[in-house]
């Protein structure tokens, strides 16, 4: 659609068409699916024009999460995707994808000590990975404007439908803000939000969190909150959605307050959702394969599912410990 000033009369047909398209889908997903079924039920998929942040402390699995999601999109749904890896080089990213897709421990991929059946598994799965429309740019010290140019070329030239940037704190800028990193991050998120709108695709960024949560105690003390992003510019303000990753067993928390087993489980916390629901989604985390996946049905915790469905009543806002003023 051509940009500029328009009377709403001329915008209604496209909105109505999108509504009809969404209504025709039986899965309720109007955007790009993550491949995590309960997350997709909460989000309706990643929406065009939106900027989404995924935050976590070190060792929670930010990169493993986005690689698992990219695998789902590119292999399972054949959606062209692009990853800007600002932390790992091309070989490291590729090896992590092999570990994820082939379900062979990373140490074995590194030293080549594979059992005969694992070589067969590798050969079979590598074809899936080879045919996947997955594009990777691991340019170090990438400047924001160069990233935007590459992203535009990928969308127009390769048909890329979604872009992931891992992670935003490693971006650089031509203009220095008197060494004020906070202002620099503000510029990055606003530029990326504009880019998502210009290219009409979802853009996902990963972000570090500050250390405050490490000092908090109790079962819920280690759960990330929106305030844990306060040193990361205006991510919370500029993003349409903010998600956090939390693995309780990393902090030696093996049960929730209702006695449910949390070992090997990861929580995806939808803390802000401008156009939808907030709540929690449980995934299974397989650390040896650096992989997040849908939990088996017998691993689902009914009380947490109920809580999530109830949370869908909270629409278009932020999740915090403060009660809503209405």
C-alpha atoms as a PDB file:
ATOM      1  CA  UNK A   1       0.000   0.000   0.000  1.00  0.00           C
ATOM      2  CA  UNK A   2       1.297   3.461  -0.912  1.00  0.00           C
ATOM      3  CA  UNK A   3       2.297   5.505   2.141  1.00  0.00           C
ATOM      4  CA  UNK A   4       1.042   8.972   2.979  1.00  0.00           C
ATOM      5  CA  UNK A   5      -2.163  10.688   4.051  1.00  0.00           C
ATOM      6  CA  UNK A   6      -5.303   8.665   3.387  1.00  0.00           C
ATOM      7  CA  UNK A   7      -8.967   8.921   4.298  1.00  0.00           C
ATOM      8  CA  UNK A   8     -10.037   5.955   6.404  1.00  0.00           C
ATOM      9  CA  UNK A   9     -12.585   5.040   3.725  1.00  0.00           C
ATOM     10  CA  UNK A  10      -9.700   3.802   1.563  1.00  0.00           C
ATOM     11  CA  UNK A  11      -8.059   1.856   4.405  1.00  0.00           C
ATOM     12  CA  UNK A  12     -11.127  -0.143   5.395  1.00  0.00           C
ATOM     13  CA  UNK A  13     -11.075  -2.611   2.443  1.00  0.00           C
ATOM     14  CA  UNK A  14      -7.585  -3.873   3.293  1.00  0.00           C
ATOM     15  CA  UNK A  15      -8.447  -4.232   6.984  1.00  0.00           C
ATOM     16  CA  UNK A  16     -11.614  -6.110   6.082  1.00  0.00           C
ATOM     17  CA  UNK A  17      -9.661  -8.367   3.732  1.00  0.00           C
ATOM     18  CA  UNK A  18      -7.161  -9.198   6.499  1.00  0.00           C
ATOM     19  CA  UNK A  19     -10.044  -9.940   8.847  1.00  0.00           C
ATOM     20  CA  UNK A  20     -11.575 -12.323   6.306  1.00  0.00           C
ATOM     21  CA  UNK A  21      -8.218 -14.049   5.860  1.00  0.00           C
ATOM     22  CA  UNK A  22      -7.839 -14.492   9.614  1.00  0.00           C
ATOM     23  CA  UNK A  23     -11.389 -15.834   9.906  1.00  0.00           C
ATOM     24  CA  UNK A  24     -10.704 -18.412   7.208  1.00  0.00           C
ATOM     25  CA  UNK A  25      -7.848 -19.966   9.200  1.00  0.00           C
ATOM     26  CA  UNK A  26      -8.909 -22.761  11.530  1.00  0.00           C
ATOM     27  CA  UNK A  27      -5.787 -22.459  13.714  1.00  0.00           C
ATOM     28  CA  UNK A  28      -6.478 -18.842  14.698  1.00  0.00           C
ATOM     29  CA  UNK A  29      -3.012 -17.739  13.563  1.00  0.00           C
ATOM     30  CA  UNK A  30      -3.052 -14.589  11.457  1.00  0.00           C
ATOM     31  CA  UNK A  31       0.695 -13.914  11.554  1.00  0.00           C
ATOM     32  CA  UNK A  32       3.871 -15.948  11.209  1.00  0.00           C
ATOM     33  CA  UNK A  33       3.814 -18.985  13.518  1.00  0.00           C
ATOM     34  CA  UNK A  34       6.653 -19.564  15.953  1.00  0.00           C
ATOM     35  CA  UNK A  35       5.974 -23.288  15.885  1.00  0.00           C
ATOM     36  CA  UNK A  36       5.299 -23.284  19.627  1.00  0.00           C
ATOM     37  CA  UNK A  37       1.588 -24.048  19.662  1.00  0.00           C
ATOM     38  CA  UNK A  38       0.603 -22.499  22.988  1.00  0.00           C
ATOM     39  CA  UNK A  39       2.675 -19.391  22.300  1.00  0.00           C
ATOM     40  CA  UNK A  40       0.998 -19.053  18.902  1.00  0.00           C
ATOM     41  CA  UNK A  41      -2.414 -19.348  20.550  1.00  0.00           C
ATOM     42  CA  UNK A  42      -1.512 -16.405  22.779  1.00  0.00           C
ATOM     43  CA  UNK A  43       0.035 -14.224  20.076  1.00  0.00           C
ATOM     44  CA  UNK A  44      -1.863 -15.333  16.929  1.00  0.00           C
ATOM     45  CA  UNK A  45       1.609 -15.426  15.351  1.00  0.00           C
ATOM     46  CA  UNK A  46       4.179 -12.678  14.810  1.00  0.00           C
ATOM     47  CA  UNK A  47       2.445  -9.775  13.088  1.00  0.00           C
ATOM     48  CA  UNK A  48       3.750  -7.675  10.197  1.00  0.00           C
ATOM     49  CA  UNK A  49       5.042  -4.257  11.186  1.00  0.00           C
ATOM     50  CA  UNK A  50       5.661  -5.254  14.789  1.00  0.00           C
ATOM     51  CA  UNK A  51       8.870  -5.167  16.811  1.00  0.00           C
ATOM     52  CA  UNK A  52       9.178  -7.971  19.351  1.00  0.00           C
ATOM     53  CA  UNK A  53      11.797  -8.206  22.113  1.00  0.00           C
ATOM     54  CA  UNK A  54      12.909 -11.422  23.807  1.00  0.00           C
ATOM     55  CA  UNK A  55      14.848 -10.741  26.990  1.00  0.00           C
ATOM     56  CA  UNK A  56      16.712 -13.051  29.339  1.00  0.00           C
ATOM     57  CA  UNK A  57      19.662 -13.272  31.674  1.00  0.00           C
ATOM     58  CA  UNK A  58      22.769 -15.185  30.507  1.00  0.00           C
ATOM     59  CA  UNK A  59      22.406 -18.987  30.295  1.00  0.00           C
ATOM     60  CA  UNK A  60      18.617 -18.862  29.927  1.00  0.00           C
ATOM     61  CA  UNK A  61      18.880 -19.784  26.239  1.00  0.00           C
ATOM     62  CA  UNK A  62      18.080 -16.660  24.176  1.00  0.00           C
ATOM     63  CA  UNK A  63      20.005 -17.907  21.160  1.00  0.00           C
ATOM     64  CA  UNK A  64      18.747 -21.482  21.568  1.00  0.00           C
ATOM     65  CA  UNK A  65      15.186 -20.146  21.653  1.00  0.00           C
ATOM     66  CA  UNK A  66      15.494 -18.092  18.464  1.00  0.00           C
ATOM     67  CA  UNK A  67      17.311 -20.909  16.639  1.00  0.00           C
ATOM     68  CA  UNK A  68      14.561 -23.339  17.676  1.00  0.00           C
ATOM     69  CA  UNK A  69      11.982 -20.878  16.408  1.00  0.00           C
ATOM     70  CA  UNK A  70      13.852 -20.307  13.133  1.00  0.00           C
ATOM     71  CA  UNK A  71      14.061 -24.064  12.665  1.00  0.00           C
ATOM     72  CA  UNK A  72      10.287 -24.332  13.138  1.00  0.00           C
ATOM     73  CA  UNK A  73       9.592 -21.524  10.681  1.00  0.00           C
ATOM     74  CA  UNK A  74      12.103 -22.421   7.971  1.00  0.00           C
ATOM     75  CA  UNK A  75      11.891 -26.226   8.067  1.00  0.00           C
ATOM     76  CA  UNK A  76       8.381 -26.988   9.304  1.00  0.00           C
ATOM     77  CA  UNK A  77       6.528 -24.064   7.680  1.00  0.00           C
ATOM     78  CA  UNK A  78       8.922 -23.277   4.782  1.00  0.00           C
ATOM     79  CA  UNK A  79       8.870 -19.575   5.668  1.00  0.00           C
ATOM     80  CA  UNK A  80      11.925 -17.586   4.459  1.00  0.00           C
ATOM     81  CA  UNK A  81      13.664 -16.209   7.560  1.00  0.00           C
ATOM     82  CA  UNK A  82      16.833 -14.258   8.272  1.00  0.00           C
ATOM     83  CA  UNK A  83      19.079 -14.183  11.320  1.00  0.00           C
ATOM     84  CA  UNK A  84      21.540 -11.403  12.064  1.00  0.00           C
ATOM     85  CA  UNK A  85      23.943 -13.069  14.492  1.00  0.00           C
ATOM     86  CA  UNK A  86      25.970 -10.341  16.177  1.00  0.00           C
ATOM     87  CA  UNK A  87      27.527 -12.621  18.793  1.00  0.00           C
ATOM     88  CA  UNK A  88      28.429 -15.884  17.015  1.00  0.00           C
ATOM     89  CA  UNK A  89      30.182 -16.389  13.693  1.00  0.00           C
ATOM     90  CA  UNK A  90      28.743 -18.344  10.760  1.00  0.00           C
ATOM     91  CA  UNK A  91      30.339 -21.661  11.740  1.00  0.00           C
ATOM     92  CA  UNK A  92      29.123 -21.363  15.334  1.00  0.00           C
ATOM     93  CA  UNK A  93      25.575 -20.575  14.222  1.00  0.00           C
ATOM     94  CA  UNK A  94      25.570 -23.411  11.695  1.00  0.00           C
ATOM     95  CA  UNK A  95      26.879 -25.895  14.259  1.00  0.00           C
ATOM     96  CA  UNK A  96      24.218 -24.803  16.741  1.00  0.00           C
ATOM     97  CA  UNK A  97      21.556 -25.334  14.073  1.00  0.00           C
ATOM     98  CA  UNK A  98      22.933 -28.808  13.325  1.00  0.00           C
ATOM     99  CA  UNK A  99      22.797 -29.683  17.040  1.00  0.00           C
ATOM    100  CA  UNK A 100      19.244 -28.341  17.265  1.00  0.00           C
ATOM    101  CA  UNK A 101      17.864 -30.000  14.152  1.00  0.00           C
ATOM    102  CA  UNK A 102      19.748 -33.310  14.333  1.00  0.00           C
ATOM    103  CA  UNK A 103      19.448 -33.677  18.125  1.00  0.00           C
ATOM    104  CA  UNK A 104      23.091 -34.633  18.483  1.00  0.00           C
ATOM    105  CA  UNK A 105      24.934 -33.186  21.528  1.00  0.00           C
ATOM    106  CA  UNK A 106      27.068 -30.159  20.741  1.00  0.00           C
ATOM    107  CA  UNK A 107      30.208 -31.730  22.183  1.00  0.00           C
ATOM    108  CA  UNK A 108      29.949 -34.575  19.663  1.00  0.00           C
ATOM    109  CA  UNK A 109      29.485 -32.135  16.783  1.00  0.00           C
ATOM    110  CA  UNK A 110      32.571 -30.258  17.970  1.00  0.00           C
ATOM    111  CA  UNK A 111      34.869 -33.275  18.307  1.00  0.00           C
ATOM    112  CA  UNK A 112      33.329 -35.441  15.569  1.00  0.00           C
ATOM    113  CA  UNK A 113      32.912 -38.477  17.849  1.00  0.00           C
ATOM    114  CA  UNK A 114      29.558 -39.655  16.467  1.00  0.00           C
ATOM    115  CA  UNK A 115      28.165 -43.149  16.764  1.00  0.00           C
ATOM    116  CA  UNK A 116      27.205 -44.883  13.475  1.00  0.00           C
ATOM    117  CA  UNK A 117      23.478 -44.265  14.037  1.00  0.00           C
ATOM    118  CA  UNK A 118      24.226 -40.571  14.696  1.00  0.00           C
ATOM    119  CA  UNK A 119      25.991 -40.264  11.335  1.00  0.00           C
ATOM    120  CA  UNK A 120      22.850 -41.647   9.708  1.00  0.00           C
ATOM    121  CA  UNK A 121      20.705 -39.225  11.686  1.00  0.00           C
ATOM    122  CA  UNK A 122      23.001 -36.373  10.659  1.00  0.00           C
ATOM    123  CA  UNK A 123      22.838 -37.245   6.948  1.00  0.00           C
ATOM    124  CA  UNK A 124      19.035 -37.500   7.033  1.00  0.00           C
ATOM    125  CA  UNK A 125      18.448 -34.235   8.892  1.00  0.00           C
ATOM    126  CA  UNK A 126      21.088 -32.260   6.998  1.00  0.00           C
ATOM    127  CA  UNK A 127      18.972 -32.451   3.847  1.00  0.00           C
ATOM    128  CA  UNK A 128      16.100 -30.754   5.701  1.00  0.00           C
ATOM    129  CA  UNK A 129      18.461 -28.037   6.859  1.00  0.00           C
ATOM    130  CA  UNK A 130      20.052 -27.661   3.418  1.00  0.00           C
ATOM    131  CA  UNK A 131      16.653 -27.083   1.773  1.00  0.00           C
ATOM    132  CA  UNK A 132      15.416 -24.647   4.436  1.00  0.00           C
ATOM    133  CA  UNK A 133      14.935 -20.980   3.383  1.00  0.00           C
ATOM    134  CA  UNK A 134      17.126 -19.835   6.286  1.00  0.00           C
ATOM    135  CA  UNK A 135      19.542 -16.946   5.701  1.00  0.00           C
ATOM    136  CA  UNK A 136      22.313 -15.952   8.113  1.00  0.00           C
ATOM    137  CA  UNK A 137      24.423 -12.800   8.351  1.00  0.00           C
ATOM    138  CA  UNK A 138      27.122 -12.957  11.035  1.00  0.00           C
ATOM    139  CA  UNK A 139      28.960  -9.743  10.143  1.00  0.00           C
ATOM    140  CA  UNK A 140      30.824  -8.538  13.261  1.00  0.00           C
ATOM    141  CA  UNK A 141      30.535  -4.947  14.494  1.00  0.00           C
ATOM    142  CA  UNK A 142      27.473  -4.406  12.315  1.00  0.00           C
ATOM    143  CA  UNK A 143      26.201  -0.846  12.188  1.00  0.00           C
ATOM    144  CA  UNK A 144      22.461  -0.204  12.411  1.00  0.00           C
ATOM    145  CA  UNK A 145      22.161   1.462   9.000  1.00  0.00           C
ATOM    146  CA  UNK A 146      24.065  -1.372   7.321  1.00  0.00           C
ATOM    147  CA  UNK A 147      21.738  -3.859   8.995  1.00  0.00           C
ATOM    148  CA  UNK A 148      18.698  -1.954   7.741  1.00  0.00           C
ATOM    149  CA  UNK A 149      20.074  -1.936   4.194  1.00  0.00           C
ATOM    150  CA  UNK A 150      20.812  -5.678   4.308  1.00  0.00           C
ATOM    151  CA  UNK A 151      17.348  -6.347   5.742  1.00  0.00           C
ATOM    152  CA  UNK A 152      15.678  -4.433   2.911  1.00  0.00           C
ATOM    153  CA  UNK A 153      17.700  -6.381   0.335  1.00  0.00           C
ATOM    154  CA  UNK A 154      16.772  -9.686   2.001  1.00  0.00           C
ATOM    155  CA  UNK A 155      13.062  -8.871   2.009  1.00  0.00           C
ATOM    156  CA  UNK A 156      12.951  -7.582  -1.563  1.00  0.00           C
ATOM    157  CA  UNK A 157      15.506  -9.937  -3.090  1.00  0.00           C
ATOM    158  CA  UNK A 158      15.095 -13.178  -1.131  1.00  0.00           C
ATOM    159  CA  UNK A 159      11.471 -12.932  -0.053  1.00  0.00           C
ATOM    160  CA  UNK A 160      12.366 -12.997   3.656  1.00  0.00           C
ATOM    161  CA  UNK A 161       9.222 -12.758   5.803  1.00  0.00           C
ATOM    162  CA  UNK A 162      10.702 -12.261   9.283  1.00  0.00           C
ATOM    163  CA  UNK A 163      14.024 -11.050  10.687  1.00  0.00           C
ATOM    164  CA  UNK A 164      15.696 -11.944  13.991  1.00  0.00           C
ATOM    165  CA  UNK A 165      18.553  -9.914  15.506  1.00  0.00           C
ATOM    166  CA  UNK A 166      20.661 -11.597  18.204  1.00  0.00           C
ATOM    167  CA  UNK A 167      21.310  -9.410  20.175  1.00  0.00           C
ATOM    168  CA  UNK A 168      20.598  -5.687  20.126  1.00  0.00           C
ATOM    169  CA  UNK A 169      23.301  -4.590  22.582  1.00  0.00           C
ATOM    170  CA  UNK A 170      25.951  -5.653  20.030  1.00  0.00           C
ATOM    171  CA  UNK A 171      24.757  -3.234  17.338  1.00  0.00           C
ATOM    172  CA  UNK A 172      26.826  -0.162  16.511  1.00  0.00           C
ATOM    173  CA  UNK A 173      25.990   3.309  15.254  1.00  0.00           C
ATOM    174  CA  UNK A 174      27.743   5.796  12.981  1.00  0.00           C
ATOM    175  CA  UNK A 175      26.749   8.684  15.247  1.00  0.00           C
ATOM    176  CA  UNK A 176      28.107   8.698  18.784  1.00  0.00           C
ATOM    177  CA  UNK A 177      25.808   9.913  21.546  1.00  0.00           C
ATOM    178  CA  UNK A 178      28.668  11.214  23.698  1.00  0.00           C
ATOM    179  CA  UNK A 179      29.267   7.587  24.752  1.00  0.00           C
ATOM    180  CA  UNK A 180      25.713   7.391  26.085  1.00  0.00           C
ATOM    181  CA  UNK A 181      24.776   3.775  25.381  1.00  0.00           C
ATOM    182  CA  UNK A 182      21.236   4.329  26.677  1.00  0.00           C
ATOM    183  CA  UNK A 183      20.521   6.933  23.991  1.00  0.00           C
ATOM    184  CA  UNK A 184      22.132   4.710  21.381  1.00  0.00           C
ATOM    185  CA  UNK A 185      19.816   1.811  22.266  1.00  0.00           C
ATOM    186  CA  UNK A 186      16.865   4.209  22.103  1.00  0.00           C
ATOM    187  CA  UNK A 187      17.836   5.034  18.530  1.00  0.00           C
ATOM    188  CA  UNK A 188      18.247   1.359  17.616  1.00  0.00           C
ATOM    189  CA  UNK A 189      14.798   0.282  18.803  1.00  0.00           C
ATOM    190  CA  UNK A 190      13.056   3.237  17.175  1.00  0.00           C
ATOM    191  CA  UNK A 191      14.912   2.663  13.916  1.00  0.00           C
ATOM    192  CA  UNK A 192      14.048  -1.043  13.954  1.00  0.00           C
ATOM    193  CA  UNK A 193      10.400  -0.330  14.709  1.00  0.00           C
ATOM    194  CA  UNK A 194      10.324   2.009  11.705  1.00  0.00           C
ATOM    195  CA  UNK A 195      12.033  -0.662   9.611  1.00  0.00           C
ATOM    196  CA  UNK A 196       9.425  -3.266  10.583  1.00  0.00           C
ATOM    197  CA  UNK A 197       6.702  -0.891   9.394  1.00  0.00           C
ATOM    198  CA  UNK A 198       8.556   0.062   6.201  1.00  0.00           C
ATOM    199  CA  UNK A 199       9.215  -3.561   5.197  1.00  0.00           C
ATOM    200  CA  UNK A 200       5.867  -4.768   6.576  1.00  0.00           C
ATOM    201  CA  UNK A 201       7.411  -7.738   8.383  1.00  0.00           C
ATOM    202  CA  UNK A 202       7.891  -8.730  12.027  1.00  0.00           C
ATOM    203  CA  UNK A 203      11.326  -8.033  13.486  1.00  0.00           C
ATOM    204  CA  UNK A 204      12.453  -9.882  16.603  1.00  0.00           C
ATOM    205  CA  UNK A 205      15.334  -8.668  18.759  1.00  0.00           C
ATOM    206  CA  UNK A 206      16.950 -10.422  21.691  1.00  0.00           C
ATOM    207  CA  UNK A 207      18.151  -8.383  24.634  1.00  0.00           C
ATOM    208  CA  UNK A 208      20.140  -8.769  27.798  1.00  0.00           C
ATOM    209  CA  UNK A 209      18.548  -7.947  31.147  1.00  0.00           C
ATOM    210  CA  UNK A 210      20.152  -6.121  34.050  1.00  0.00           C
ATOM    211  CA  UNK A 211      21.455  -7.961  37.098  1.00  0.00           C
ATOM    212  CA  UNK A 212      18.810  -6.838  39.586  1.00  0.00           C
ATOM    213  CA  UNK A 213      16.811 -10.056  39.398  1.00  0.00           C
ATOM    214  CA  UNK A 214      19.838 -12.088  40.555  1.00  0.00           C
ATOM    215  CA  UNK A 215      19.479 -10.463  43.981  1.00  0.00           C
ATOM    216  CA  UNK A 216      15.775 -11.221  44.291  1.00  0.00           C
ATOM    217  CA  UNK A 217      14.731 -14.266  46.311  1.00  0.00           C
ATOM    218  CA  UNK A 218      11.853 -16.730  46.373  1.00  0.00           C
ATOM    219  CA  UNK A 219      10.152 -18.879  43.742  1.00  0.00           C
ATOM    220  CA  UNK A 220       9.076 -15.867  41.699  1.00  0.00           C
ATOM    221  CA  UNK A 221      12.060 -13.677  42.577  1.00  0.00           C
ATOM    222  CA  UNK A 222      14.093 -14.784  39.572  1.00  0.00           C
ATOM    223  CA  UNK A 223      11.243 -14.280  37.119  1.00  0.00           C
ATOM    224  CA  UNK A 224      12.074 -11.359  34.809  1.00  0.00           C
ATOM    225  CA  UNK A 225       9.931  -8.228  34.932  1.00  0.00           C
ATOM    226  CA  UNK A 226       9.619  -5.248  32.617  1.00  0.00           C
ATOM    227  CA  UNK A 227      11.694  -3.179  35.048  1.00  0.00           C
ATOM    228  CA  UNK A 228      14.632  -5.519  34.355  1.00  0.00           C
ATOM    229  CA  UNK A 229      14.891  -3.848  30.918  1.00  0.00           C
ATOM    230  CA  UNK A 230      15.396  -0.390  32.366  1.00  0.00           C
ATOM    231  CA  UNK A 231      19.074  -0.179  31.355  1.00  0.00           C
ATOM    232  CA  UNK A 232      18.291  -1.187  27.776  1.00  0.00           C
ATOM    233  CA  UNK A 233      17.026   2.063  26.325  1.00  0.00           C
ATOM    234  CA  UNK A 234      13.371   2.301  25.391  1.00  0.00           C
ATOM    235  CA  UNK A 235      12.881  -1.350  24.423  1.00  0.00           C
ATOM    236  CA  UNK A 236       9.816  -1.617  26.627  1.00  0.00           C
ATOM    237  CA  UNK A 237       8.264   1.508  25.104  1.00  0.00           C
ATOM    238  CA  UNK A 238       9.113   0.910  21.453  1.00  0.00           C
ATOM    239  CA  UNK A 239       8.352  -2.808  21.164  1.00  0.00           C
ATOM    240  CA  UNK A 240       4.856  -4.075  20.453  1.00  0.00           C
ATOM    241  CA  UNK A 241       5.576  -7.202  22.448  1.00  0.00           C
ATOM    242  CA  UNK A 242       8.089  -8.052  25.183  1.00  0.00           C
ATOM    243  CA  UNK A 243       8.760 -11.669  26.107  1.00  0.00           C
ATOM    244  CA  UNK A 244      11.082 -13.099  28.741  1.00  0.00           C
ATOM    245  CA  UNK A 245      12.672 -16.527  29.027  1.00  0.00           C
ATOM    246  CA  UNK A 246      12.897 -18.116  32.463  1.00  0.00           C
ATOM    247  CA  UNK A 247      14.173 -21.560  33.442  1.00  0.00           C
ATOM    248  CA  UNK A 248      13.413 -22.144  37.127  1.00  0.00           C
ATOM    249  CA  UNK A 249      15.604 -25.239  37.437  1.00  0.00           C
ATOM    250  CA  UNK A 250      18.657 -23.134  36.490  1.00  0.00           C
ATOM    251  CA  UNK A 251      18.152 -21.439  39.869  1.00  0.00           C
ATOM    252  CA  UNK A 252      17.563 -24.825  41.547  1.00  0.00           C
ATOM    253  CA  UNK A 253      13.822 -24.186  41.708  1.00  0.00           C
ATOM    254  CA  UNK A 254      12.313 -27.562  40.859  1.00  0.00           C
ATOM    255  CA  UNK A 255       8.672 -27.010  41.836  1.00  0.00           C
ATOM    256  CA  UNK A 256       6.249 -24.132  41.629  1.00  0.00           C
ATOM    257  CA  UNK A 257       4.089 -22.987  44.536  1.00  0.00           C
ATOM    258  CA  UNK A 258       1.487 -25.618  43.598  1.00  0.00           C
ATOM    259  CA  UNK A 259       3.979 -28.482  43.654  1.00  0.00           C
ATOM    260  CA  UNK A 260       4.225 -28.907  39.863  1.00  0.00           C
ATOM    261  CA  UNK A 261       7.512 -30.311  38.552  1.00  0.00           C
ATOM    262  CA  UNK A 262       9.525 -27.643  36.702  1.00  0.00           C
ATOM    263  CA  UNK A 263      12.622 -29.687  35.861  1.00  0.00           C
ATOM    264  CA  UNK A 264      13.477 -29.380  32.177  1.00  0.00           C
ATOM    265  CA  UNK A 265      10.768 -26.764  31.695  1.00  0.00           C
ATOM    266  CA  UNK A 266      11.092 -23.185  30.462  1.00  0.00           C
ATOM    267  CA  UNK A 267       8.624 -20.349  30.827  1.00  0.00           C
ATOM    268  CA  UNK A 268       8.009 -17.855  28.056  1.00  0.00           C
ATOM    269  CA  UNK A 269       6.578 -14.844  29.848  1.00  0.00           C
ATOM    270  CA  UNK A 270       4.563 -12.487  27.646  1.00  0.00           C
ATOM    271  CA  UNK A 271       5.014  -9.365  29.766  1.00  0.00           C
ATOM    272  CA  UNK A 272       3.803  -6.792  27.237  1.00  0.00           C
ATOM    273  CA  UNK A 273       1.483  -7.286  24.283  1.00  0.00           C
ATOM    274  CA  UNK A 274       0.204  -4.074  22.769  1.00  0.00           C
ATOM    275  CA  UNK A 275      -2.446  -5.779  20.648  1.00  0.00           C
ATOM    276  CA  UNK A 276      -3.210  -8.928  22.580  1.00  0.00           C
ATOM    277  CA  UNK A 277      -2.978 -11.008  25.713  1.00  0.00           C
ATOM    278  CA  UNK A 278      -0.252 -11.330  28.325  1.00  0.00           C
ATOM    279  CA  UNK A 279       0.511 -14.535  30.193  1.00  0.00           C
ATOM    280  CA  UNK A 280       2.891 -17.489  30.489  1.00  0.00           C
ATOM    281  CA  UNK A 281       3.598 -20.385  28.150  1.00  0.00           C
ATOM    282  CA  UNK A 282       5.496 -23.523  29.153  1.00  0.00           C
ATOM    283  CA  UNK A 283       8.019 -25.161  26.829  1.00  0.00           C
ATOM    284  CA  UNK A 284      10.350 -28.107  27.196  1.00  0.00           C
ATOM    285  CA  UNK A 285      14.069 -27.244  27.210  1.00  0.00           C
ATOM    286  CA  UNK A 286      16.552 -29.865  26.027  1.00  0.00           C
ATOM    287  CA  UNK A 287      19.861 -28.352  27.058  1.00  0.00           C
ATOM    288  CA  UNK A 288      22.165 -30.893  25.419  1.00  0.00           C
ATOM    289  CA  UNK A 289      20.590 -30.041  22.065  1.00  0.00           C
ATOM    290  CA  UNK A 290      20.202 -26.285  22.784  1.00  0.00           C
ATOM    291  CA  UNK A 291      16.563 -26.745  21.858  1.00  0.00           C
ATOM    292  CA  UNK A 292      13.175 -25.469  22.994  1.00  0.00           C
ATOM    293  CA  UNK A 293      10.155 -27.475  21.928  1.00  0.00           C
ATOM    294  CA  UNK A 294       6.477 -27.998  22.609  1.00  0.00           C
ATOM    295  CA  UNK A 295       5.980 -30.009  25.796  1.00  0.00           C
ATOM    296  CA  UNK A 296       4.560 -33.498  25.572  1.00  0.00           C
ATOM    297  CA  UNK A 297       0.903 -33.591  26.533  1.00  0.00           C
ATOM    298  CA  UNK A 298       1.715 -35.492  29.721  1.00  0.00           C
ATOM    299  CA  UNK A 299       4.163 -32.737  30.724  1.00  0.00           C
ATOM    300  CA  UNK A 300       1.604 -29.945  30.573  1.00  0.00           C
ATOM    301  CA  UNK A 301       0.683 -28.428  33.915  1.00  0.00           C
ATOM    302  CA  UNK A 302      -3.111 -27.941  33.922  1.00  0.00           C
ATOM    303  CA  UNK A 303      -3.044 -25.110  36.450  1.00  0.00           C
ATOM    304  CA  UNK A 304      -0.526 -23.153  34.363  1.00  0.00           C
ATOM    305  CA  UNK A 305      -2.614 -23.635  31.205  1.00  0.00           C
ATOM    306  CA  UNK A 306      -5.700 -22.432  33.061  1.00  0.00           C
ATOM    307  CA  UNK A 307      -3.771 -19.413  34.329  1.00  0.00           C
ATOM    308  CA  UNK A 308      -2.654 -18.626  30.778  1.00  0.00           C
ATOM    309  CA  UNK A 309      -6.176 -18.842  29.393  1.00  0.00           C
ATOM    310  CA  UNK A 310      -7.402 -16.596  32.177  1.00  0.00           C
ATOM    311  CA  UNK A 311      -4.598 -14.161  31.365  1.00  0.00           C
ATOM    312  CA  UNK A 312      -5.996 -13.796  27.849  1.00  0.00           C
ATOM    313  CA  UNK A 313      -8.646 -11.604  29.457  1.00  0.00           C
ATOM    314  CA  UNK A 314      -5.876  -9.055  30.063  1.00  0.00           C
ATOM    315  CA  UNK A 315      -5.722  -7.488  26.618  1.00  0.00           C
ATOM    316  CA  UNK A 316      -3.384  -4.903  25.158  1.00  0.00           C
ATOM    317  CA  UNK A 317      -1.200  -4.029  28.095  1.00  0.00           C
ATOM    318  CA  UNK A 318       1.748  -4.752  30.323  1.00  0.00           C
ATOM    319  CA  UNK A 319       2.128  -7.383  32.982  1.00  0.00           C
ATOM    320  CA  UNK A 320       3.413  -6.038  36.284  1.00  0.00           C
ATOM    321  CA  UNK A 321       3.002  -6.584  39.991  1.00  0.00           C
ATOM    322  CA  UNK A 322       0.847  -3.456  40.303  1.00  0.00           C
ATOM    323  CA  UNK A 323      -2.956  -3.820  40.116  1.00  0.00           C
ATOM    324  CA  UNK A 324      -4.689  -2.244  37.158  1.00  0.00           C
ATOM    325  CA  UNK A 325      -6.317   1.116  37.982  1.00  0.00           C
ATOM    326  CA  UNK A 326      -9.766  -0.033  36.857  1.00  0.00           C
END
